[in-house]
Amino acid sequence: MAGSAAEVAGSRGPQTGNPVARLQKENGGAQQAAPQARFFLAKPGASGATPALERECAAEAEAIAEAFKTGVSYYAVSEYRALVDCSGKQPVFKKEAVKRNP
């Protein structure tokens, strides 16, 4: 009638769950698209305390090459819009990636 915990756990057999479905369930079912990052070179001589952006590069490869040539850092910036879902008992804050127009 009463078995040990090991016997009860062993009687269920191997658990075969879909890890992707489990991840989606844990994350609320919705997968957010990653935002398109924008790449900027740092201003020469700027301290790292506050980002000082100079020129925007079209791609990360260009930013890396230019940063190497000029001896400055580069920044990758992602832009989000804040949203709130008031459908439940408490508001839930969410973020939405802002799409960049080409």
Protein backbone atom coordinates (compact mmCIF):
# COMPACT_ATOMS: atom_id res chain seq x y z
CA MET A 1 0.00 0.00 0.00
CA ALA A 2 2.64 2.53 1.00
CA GLY A 3 5.94 2.43 -0.85
CA SER A 4 9.14 4.32 -0.49
CA ALA A 5 9.72 7.50 -2.44
CA ALA A 6 12.22 5.71 -4.69
CA GLU A 7 9.66 3.04 -5.57
CA VAL A 8 7.00 5.64 -6.35
CA ALA A 9 9.39 7.72 -8.45
CA GLY A 10 10.66 4.64 -10.27
CA SER A 11 7.17 3.44 -11.12
CA ARG A 12 6.45 6.51 -13.23
CA GLY A 13 9.03 5.51 -15.82
CA PRO A 14 11.33 7.83 -17.73
CA GLN A 15 10.03 11.31 -18.23
CA THR A 16 9.97 12.30 -21.84
CA GLY A 17 8.99 15.93 -22.14
CA ASN A 18 9.58 18.34 -24.93
CA PRO A 19 12.16 20.82 -23.56
CA VAL A 20 11.08 23.51 -26.05
CA ALA A 21 7.43 23.22 -25.01
CA ARG A 22 8.47 23.33 -21.35
CA LEU A 23 10.56 26.45 -21.96
CA GLN A 24 7.69 28.16 -23.78
CA LYS A 25 5.33 27.28 -20.94
CA GLU A 26 7.74 28.72 -18.36
CA ASN A 27 8.18 31.91 -20.40
CA GLY A 28 4.47 32.48 -20.85
CA GLY A 29 4.33 30.83 -24.28
CA ALA A 30 5.52 33.84 -26.24
CA GLN A 31 9.01 34.07 -27.64
CA GLN A 32 10.29 37.59 -28.24
CA ALA A 33 12.27 38.33 -31.33
CA ALA A 34 15.73 39.60 -30.58
CA PRO A 35 16.06 43.29 -31.38
CA GLN A 36 18.32 44.49 -34.14
CA ALA A 37 21.36 45.97 -32.42
CA ARG A 38 22.90 49.21 -33.63
CA PHE A 39 26.66 49.74 -33.42
CA PHE A 40 28.39 52.99 -32.51
CA LEU A 41 32.03 53.98 -32.13
CA ALA A 42 33.02 55.72 -28.92
CA LYS A 43 34.29 59.28 -29.02
CA PRO A 44 38.09 59.38 -28.81
CA GLY A 45 39.34 60.28 -25.34
CA ALA A 46 35.97 59.66 -23.68
CA SER A 47 36.01 57.93 -20.32
CA GLY A 48 34.07 54.71 -19.87
CA ALA A 49 31.94 56.19 -17.07
CA THR A 50 29.33 57.57 -19.48
CA PRO A 51 28.90 56.25 -23.02
CA ALA A 52 29.84 58.91 -25.55
CA LEU A 53 28.66 57.82 -28.99
CA GLU A 54 30.24 59.19 -32.13
CA ARG A 55 29.55 57.51 -35.47
CA GLU A 56 27.09 54.71 -36.21
CA CYS A 57 28.36 51.72 -38.18
CA ALA A 58 26.22 49.64 -40.52
CA ALA A 59 27.28 46.27 -39.06
CA GLU A 60 29.20 44.87 -36.12
CA ALA A 61 32.07 43.77 -38.37
CA GLU A 62 32.54 47.36 -39.53
CA ALA A 63 32.38 48.62 -35.93
CA ILE A 64 35.04 46.11 -34.84
CA ALA A 65 37.37 47.04 -37.70
CA GLU A 66 36.95 50.79 -37.18
CA ALA A 67 37.37 50.47 -33.41
CA PHE A 68 40.57 48.53 -33.93
CA LYS A 69 41.94 51.04 -36.45
CA THR A 70 41.17 54.08 -34.31
CA GLY A 71 41.89 52.52 -30.91
CA VAL A 72 38.47 53.28 -29.43
CA SER A 73 35.70 51.11 -28.03
CA TYR A 74 32.40 50.42 -29.74
CA TYR A 75 28.91 50.04 -28.34
CA ALA A 76 26.05 47.73 -29.28
CA VAL A 77 22.71 49.38 -28.51
CA SER A 78 19.31 47.66 -28.43
CA GLU A 79 16.10 49.68 -28.30
CA TYR A 80 12.93 48.57 -26.49
CA ARG A 81 9.47 50.01 -25.91
CA ALA A 82 7.89 49.56 -22.47
CA LEU A 83 4.43 47.96 -22.39
CA VAL A 84 2.05 47.06 -19.58
CA ASP A 85 -0.50 44.24 -19.54
CA CYS A 86 -3.43 45.12 -17.26
CA SER A 87 -5.57 42.07 -18.07
CA GLY A 88 -4.78 40.30 -14.77
CA LYS A 89 -5.10 41.27 -11.13
CA GLN A 90 -1.75 43.06 -11.17
CA PRO A 91 -0.14 44.93 -14.04
CA VAL A 92 2.70 43.09 -15.77
CA PHE A 93 5.43 45.15 -17.37
CA LYS A 94 6.86 43.84 -20.63
CA LYS A 95 9.30 45.02 -23.24
CA GLU A 96 8.94 45.03 -27.01
CA ALA A 97 11.86 45.34 -29.37
CA VAL A 98 11.64 48.42 -31.57
CA LYS A 99 12.01 47.55 -35.23
CA ARG A 100 14.49 49.65 -37.10
CA ASN A 101 13.42 51.05 -40.47
CA PRO A 102 16.09 50.46 -43.12
